[in-house]
C-alpha atoms as a PDB file:
ATOM      1  CA  MET A   1     -33.020  52.717  25.059  1.00  0.00           C
ATOM      2  CA  LYS A   2     -35.667  50.085  24.423  1.00  0.00           C
ATOM      3  CA  PRO A   3     -35.197  46.683  26.091  1.00  0.00           C
ATOM      4  CA  ILE A   4     -34.704  45.081  22.678  1.00  0.00           C
ATOM      5  CA  GLY A   5     -31.632  47.286  22.158  1.00  0.00           C
ATOM      6  CA  PRO A   6     -29.217  45.190  24.240  1.00  0.00           C
ATOM      7  CA  LEU A   7     -30.626  41.998  22.713  1.00  0.00           C
ATOM      8  CA  MET A   8     -29.977  43.281  19.205  1.00  0.00           C
ATOM      9  CA  VAL A   9     -26.456  44.413  20.142  1.00  0.00           C
ATOM     10  CA  GLU A  10     -25.817  40.902  21.468  1.00  0.00           C
ATOM     11  CA  HIS A  11     -27.054  39.507  18.156  1.00  0.00           C
ATOM     12  CA  ARG A  12     -24.323  41.406  16.314  1.00  0.00           C
ATOM     13  CA  LEU A  13     -21.594  39.765  18.427  1.00  0.00           C
ATOM     14  CA  ILE A  14     -23.201  36.347  18.035  1.00  0.00           C
ATOM     15  CA  GLU A  15     -23.209  36.872  14.257  1.00  0.00           C
ATOM     16  CA  ARG A  16     -19.481  37.579  14.369  1.00  0.00           C
ATOM     17  CA  MET A  17     -18.850  34.302  16.215  1.00  0.00           C
ATOM     18  CA  ILE A  18     -21.058  32.440  13.749  1.00  0.00           C
ATOM     19  CA  ALA A  19     -18.922  33.822  10.904  1.00  0.00           C
ATOM     20  CA  LEU A  20     -15.882  32.337  12.662  1.00  0.00           C
ATOM     21  CA  LEU A  21     -17.687  28.999  13.062  1.00  0.00           C
ATOM     22  CA  LYS A  22     -18.422  29.037   9.340  1.00  0.00           C
ATOM     23  CA  LYS A  23     -14.729  29.567   8.541  1.00  0.00           C
ATOM     24  CA  GLU A  24     -13.713  26.779  10.920  1.00  0.00           C
ATOM     25  CA  ALA A  25     -16.238  24.371   9.392  1.00  0.00           C
ATOM     26  CA  ALA A  26     -14.967  25.134   5.880  1.00  0.00           C
ATOM     27  CA  GLN A  27     -11.328  24.702   6.946  1.00  0.00           C
ATOM     28  CA  ALA A  28     -12.121  21.464   8.751  1.00  0.00           C
ATOM     29  CA  ARG A  29     -13.993  20.090   5.752  1.00  0.00           C
ATOM     30  CA  LYS A  30     -11.111  21.057   3.438  1.00  0.00           C
ATOM     31  CA  ASN A  31      -8.233  19.856   5.646  1.00  0.00           C
ATOM     32  CA  ASN A  32      -9.878  16.975   7.548  1.00  0.00           C
ATOM     33  CA  ILE A  33      -8.767  18.432  10.860  1.00  0.00           C
ATOM     34  CA  VAL A  34     -10.498  20.608  13.405  1.00  0.00           C
ATOM     35  CA  ASP A  35      -9.036  23.122  15.831  1.00  0.00           C
ATOM     36  CA  VAL A  36     -10.142  21.680  19.188  1.00  0.00           C
ATOM     37  CA  GLU A  37      -9.023  24.775  21.095  1.00  0.00           C
ATOM     38  CA  PHE A  38     -11.132  26.986  18.850  1.00  0.00           C
ATOM     39  CA  LEU A  39     -14.070  24.623  19.414  1.00  0.00           C
ATOM     40  CA  GLN A  40     -13.637  24.881  23.176  1.00  0.00           C
ATOM     41  CA  THR A  41     -13.649  28.676  22.967  1.00  0.00           C
ATOM     42  CA  ALA A  42     -16.640  28.681  20.602  1.00  0.00           C
ATOM     43  CA  VAL A  43     -18.624  26.344  22.860  1.00  0.00           C
ATOM     44  CA  ASP A  44     -17.861  28.536  25.870  1.00  0.00           C
ATOM     45  CA  PHE A  45     -19.008  31.592  23.908  1.00  0.00           C
ATOM     46  CA  ILE A  46     -22.229  29.950  22.754  1.00  0.00           C
ATOM     47  CA  ARG A  47     -23.066  28.503  26.161  1.00  0.00           C
ATOM     48  CA  THR A  48     -22.146  31.548  28.212  1.00  0.00           C
ATOM     49  CA  TYR A  49     -22.883  34.471  25.917  1.00  0.00           C
ATOM     50  CA  ALA A  50     -25.422  33.311  23.328  1.00  0.00           C
ATOM     51  CA  ASP A  51     -27.361  30.950  25.558  1.00  0.00           C
ATOM     52  CA  ARG A  52     -27.040  31.954  29.201  1.00  0.00           C
ATOM     53  CA  THR A  53     -26.587  35.706  28.735  1.00  0.00           C
ATOM     54  CA  HIS A  54     -28.681  36.381  25.638  1.00  0.00           C
ATOM     55  CA  HIS A  55     -31.280  33.604  25.667  1.00  0.00           C
ATOM     56  CA  GLY A  56     -31.371  33.922  29.446  1.00  0.00           C
ATOM     57  CA  LYS A  57     -32.578  37.515  29.211  1.00  0.00           C
ATOM     58  CA  GLU A  58     -35.121  36.512  26.611  1.00  0.00           C
ATOM     59  CA  GLU A  59     -36.477  33.509  28.501  1.00  0.00           C
ATOM     60  CA  ASP A  60     -36.128  34.657  32.106  1.00  0.00           C
ATOM     61  CA  ILE A  61     -37.311  38.239  31.581  1.00  0.00           C
ATOM     62  CA  LEU A  62     -38.804  39.108  28.178  1.00  0.00           C
ATOM     63  CA  PHE A  63     -40.747  35.887  27.547  1.00  0.00           C
ATOM     64  CA  ARG A  64     -41.751  35.679  31.213  1.00  0.00           C
ATOM     65  CA  ASP A  65     -43.277  39.149  31.010  1.00  0.00           C
ATOM     66  CA  LEU A  66     -44.836  38.480  27.610  1.00  0.00           C
ATOM     67  CA  ALA A  67     -46.513  35.348  28.981  1.00  0.00           C
ATOM     68  CA  LEU A  68     -48.508  37.641  31.295  1.00  0.00           C
ATOM     69  CA  LYS A  69     -49.877  39.603  28.327  1.00  0.00           C
ATOM     70  CA  GLN A  70     -52.742  38.779  26.001  1.00  0.00           C
ATOM     71  CA  LEU A  71     -50.629  38.075  22.913  1.00  0.00           C
ATOM     72  CA  ALA A  72     -51.902  37.963  19.365  1.00  0.00           C
ATOM     73  CA  PRO A  73     -51.865  34.356  18.098  1.00  0.00           C
ATOM     74  CA  ASP A  74     -48.978  35.076  15.723  1.00  0.00           C
ATOM     75  CA  HIS A  75     -46.810  36.555  18.473  1.00  0.00           C
ATOM     76  CA  LYS A  76     -47.631  33.681  20.806  1.00  0.00           C
ATOM     77  CA  ARG A  77     -46.712  31.192  18.067  1.00  0.00           C
ATOM     78  CA  ILE A  78     -43.399  32.924  17.334  1.00  0.00           C
ATOM     79  CA  MET A  79     -42.502  33.049  21.029  1.00  0.00           C
ATOM     80  CA  GLY A  80     -43.143  29.304  21.254  1.00  0.00           C
ATOM     81  CA  GLU A  81     -40.961  28.725  18.202  1.00  0.00           C
ATOM     82  CA  LEU A  82     -38.159  30.817  19.688  1.00  0.00           C
ATOM     83  CA  ILE A  83     -38.246  28.867  22.944  1.00  0.00           C
ATOM     84  CA  GLY A  84     -38.099  25.622  20.962  1.00  0.00           C
ATOM     85  CA  GLU A  85     -35.195  26.948  18.926  1.00  0.00           C
ATOM     86  CA  HIS A  86     -33.281  27.798  22.101  1.00  0.00           C
ATOM     87  CA  ILE A  87     -33.735  24.194  23.234  1.00  0.00           C
ATOM     88  CA  SER A  88     -32.566  22.926  19.834  1.00  0.00           C
ATOM     89  CA  ALA A  89     -29.472  25.126  19.971  1.00  0.00           C
ATOM     90  CA  ARG A  90     -28.591  23.729  23.406  1.00  0.00           C
ATOM     91  CA  LYS A  91     -28.884  20.200  22.044  1.00  0.00           C
ATOM     92  CA  MET A  92     -26.653  21.034  19.055  1.00  0.00           C
ATOM     93  CA  VAL A  93     -24.000  22.478  21.360  1.00  0.00           C
ATOM     94  CA  ALA A  94     -24.173  19.469  23.701  1.00  0.00           C
ATOM     95  CA  ALA A  95     -23.724  17.165  20.692  1.00  0.00           C
ATOM     96  CA  LEU A  96     -20.788  19.301  19.512  1.00  0.00           C
ATOM     97  CA  VAL A  97     -19.141  18.996  22.940  1.00  0.00           C
ATOM     98  CA  GLU A  98     -19.575  15.222  22.825  1.00  0.00           C
ATOM     99  CA  ALA A  99     -18.211  14.973  19.275  1.00  0.00           C
ATOM    100  CA  ARG A 100     -15.258  17.211  20.181  1.00  0.00           C
ATOM    101  CA  GLN A 101     -14.464  14.931  23.125  1.00  0.00           C
ATOM    102  CA  GLY A 102     -14.532  11.884  20.872  1.00  0.00           C
ATOM    103  CA  TYR A 103     -12.311  13.615  18.337  1.00  0.00           C
ATOM    104  CA  MET A 104      -9.841  14.620  21.052  1.00  0.00           C
ATOM    105  CA  HIS A 105      -9.675  10.998  22.204  1.00  0.00           C
ATOM    106  CA  GLY A 106      -8.614   9.838  18.769  1.00  0.00           C
ATOM    107  CA  ASN A 107     -11.950   8.932  17.219  1.00  0.00           C
ATOM    108  CA  SER A 108     -11.411  10.512  13.800  1.00  0.00           C
ATOM    109  CA  ALA A 109     -14.776   9.151  12.628  1.00  0.00           C
ATOM    110  CA  VAL A 110     -16.527  11.910  14.602  1.00  0.00           C
ATOM    111  CA  LEU A 111     -14.815  14.647  12.571  1.00  0.00           C
ATOM    112  CA  LYS A 112     -17.783  14.547  10.181  1.00  0.00           C
ATOM    113  CA  ASP A 113     -20.128  14.980  13.160  1.00  0.00           C
ATOM    114  CA  VAL A 114     -18.123  17.969  14.401  1.00  0.00           C
ATOM    115  CA  ILE A 115     -18.239  19.627  10.975  1.00  0.00           C
ATOM    116  CA  ASP A 116     -21.928  18.841  10.492  1.00  0.00           C
ATOM    117  CA  LEU A 117     -22.763  20.318  13.895  1.00  0.00           C
ATOM    118  CA  LEU A 118     -20.749  23.453  13.176  1.00  0.00           C
ATOM    119  CA  GLU A 119     -22.643  23.841   9.913  1.00  0.00           C
ATOM    120  CA  GLU A 120     -25.971  23.273  11.691  1.00  0.00           C
ATOM    121  CA  LEU A 121     -25.143  26.082  14.121  1.00  0.00           C
ATOM    122  CA  VAL A 122     -24.034  28.295  11.228  1.00  0.00           C
ATOM    123  CA  ASP A 123     -27.384  27.678   9.525  1.00  0.00           C
ATOM    124  CA  PHE A 124     -29.433  27.955  12.712  1.00  0.00           C
ATOM    125  CA  TYR A 125     -28.313  31.240  14.233  1.00  0.00           C
ATOM    126  CA  PRO A 126     -28.823  33.654  11.304  1.00  0.00           C
ATOM    127  CA  ALA A 127     -32.402  32.434  10.765  1.00  0.00           C
ATOM    128  CA  HIS A 128     -33.114  32.558  14.501  1.00  0.00           C
ATOM    129  CA  ILE A 129     -31.684  36.063  14.820  1.00  0.00           C
ATOM    130  CA  GLU A 130     -33.602  37.282  11.788  1.00  0.00           C
ATOM    131  CA  LYS A 131     -36.850  35.945  13.254  1.00  0.00           C
ATOM    132  CA  GLU A 132     -36.242  37.837  16.477  1.00  0.00           C
ATOM    133  CA  ASP A 133     -34.908  41.060  14.941  1.00  0.00           C
ATOM    134  CA  LYS A 134     -37.350  41.413  12.052  1.00  0.00           C
ATOM    135  CA  HIS A 135     -40.501  39.578  13.091  1.00  0.00           C
ATOM    136  CA  PHE A 136     -40.714  39.620  16.877  1.00  0.00           C
ATOM    137  CA  PHE A 137     -38.820  42.238  18.845  1.00  0.00           C
ATOM    138  CA  TYR A 138     -40.413  45.391  17.453  1.00  0.00           C
ATOM    139  CA  PRO A 139     -44.036  44.193  17.426  1.00  0.00           C
ATOM    140  CA  ILE A 140     -43.923  42.865  20.986  1.00  0.00           C
ATOM    141  CA  LEU A 141     -42.837  46.248  22.349  1.00  0.00           C
ATOM    142  CA  ASP A 142     -46.438  47.379  21.886  1.00  0.00           C
ATOM    143  CA  TYR A 143     -47.478  45.061  24.716  1.00  0.00           C
ATOM    144  CA  PHE A 144     -45.420  47.055  27.217  1.00  0.00           C
ATOM    145  CA  SER A 145     -45.827  50.553  28.576  1.00  0.00           C
ATOM    146  CA  LYS A 146     -42.832  52.896  28.687  1.00  0.00           C
ATOM    147  CA  GLU A 147     -42.515  52.173  32.417  1.00  0.00           C
ATOM    148  CA  GLU A 148     -42.585  48.396  31.841  1.00  0.00           C
ATOM    149  CA  GLN A 149     -39.947  48.721  29.140  1.00  0.00           C
ATOM    150  CA  ASP A 150     -37.715  50.816  31.409  1.00  0.00           C
ATOM    151  CA  LYS A 151     -38.128  48.269  34.225  1.00  0.00           C
ATOM    152  CA  MET A 152     -37.254  45.420  31.841  1.00  0.00           C
ATOM    153  CA  LEU A 153     -34.140  47.230  30.648  1.00  0.00           C
ATOM    154  CA  LEU A 154     -32.989  47.650  34.262  1.00  0.00           C
ATOM    155  CA  GLU A 155     -33.687  43.977  34.908  1.00  0.00           C
ATOM    156  CA  PHE A 156     -31.560  43.086  31.858  1.00  0.00           C
ATOM    157  CA  LEU A 157     -28.684  45.113  33.299  1.00  0.00           C
ATOM    158  CA  GLU A 158     -29.041  43.416  36.691  1.00  0.00           C
ATOM    159  CA  PHE A 159     -29.161  40.015  34.976  1.00  0.00           C
ATOM    160  CA  ASP A 160     -25.865  40.759  33.207  1.00  0.00           C
ATOM    161  CA  ARG A 161     -24.276  42.068  36.410  1.00  0.00           C
ATOM    162  CA  LYS A 162     -24.964  38.809  38.269  1.00  0.00           C
ATOM    163  CA  LEU A 163     -24.002  36.473  35.441  1.00  0.00           C
ATOM    164  CA  ILE A 164     -20.237  36.247  35.925  1.00  0.00           C
ATOM    165  CA  HIS A 165     -20.745  35.362  39.585  1.00  0.00           C
ATOM    166  CA  GLU A 166     -23.260  32.681  38.660  1.00  0.00           C
ATOM    167  CA  LYS A 167     -20.914  31.144  36.086  1.00  0.00           C
ATOM    168  CA  TYR A 168     -17.960  30.814  38.398  1.00  0.00           C
ATOM    169  CA  GLN A 169     -20.006  29.748  41.413  1.00  0.00           C
ATOM    170  CA  LYS A 170     -21.345  26.838  39.343  1.00  0.00           C
ATOM    171  CA  MET A 171     -17.814  26.057  38.152  1.00  0.00           C
ATOM    172  CA  VAL A 172     -16.481  25.817  41.696  1.00  0.00           C
ATOM    173  CA  GLU A 173     -19.492  23.780  42.845  1.00  0.00           C
ATOM    174  CA  GLY A 174     -18.920  21.344  39.968  1.00  0.00           C
ATOM    175  CA  LEU A 175     -15.255  20.991  40.850  1.00  0.00           C
ATOM    176  CA  GLU A 176     -16.130  20.449  44.509  1.00  0.00           C
ATOM    177  CA  LYS A 177     -18.492  17.613  43.545  1.00  0.00           C
ATOM    178  CA  LYS A 178     -15.702  15.972  41.557  1.00  0.00           C
ATOM    179  CA  ASN A 179     -13.202  16.403  44.391  1.00  0.00           C
ATOM    180  CA  PRO A 180     -15.125  16.220  47.693  1.00  0.00           C
END
C-alpha cells in the first residue's frame, strides 16, 4: 500500500460525516432548531478524526518529509495552500463550538451562525479533499523512493496507534487543571 492509501480511506469517512453535516444544516435552516448533541459529536469527529488523525498525518509526517525535498513550484504552492486550509478548518470548528455554546445558553440569535458555519464546513471539505486526492497525493509520491514510502506508511500506523492515548491524556490533564 502507498502512504496516500490510508489518507484517501480517511477522506471517504470524512465525506460521509460532511454529508451528515449538510443534512443537519438543511434541517436547522428549515426548522430553526439545531441538534446540539449531533453538533457535539460532529465537532469531536472533525477535531479528533479529520484534524488530529488525518491532518496530523499530513502535517506531522507527509508535509514534514516533503519539506525536505526539492519540490516543483506547483507542488510547493499546493502544499502551502493545504496547510492554510487546515488552519482555516480549525478556525471554522472553533467558531462552531463557540456558536453552539451560545445557542445552548439560550442565545437563539447565534442559530444563523451555527448554520452558516455548518454550511462553510460542507463547502470546504469536498474542495479540500478533491485538491488532495486529484491534484496532490499522486504527483508527490514521485518525490519518495519505495523505501521512503514504506517507512512513511509505518510511521502513519504508529501515529494512529498513539493517538487515542494522546487524546485521553490531554483530556485528563485539562480536567486536572480545572480541578487541582
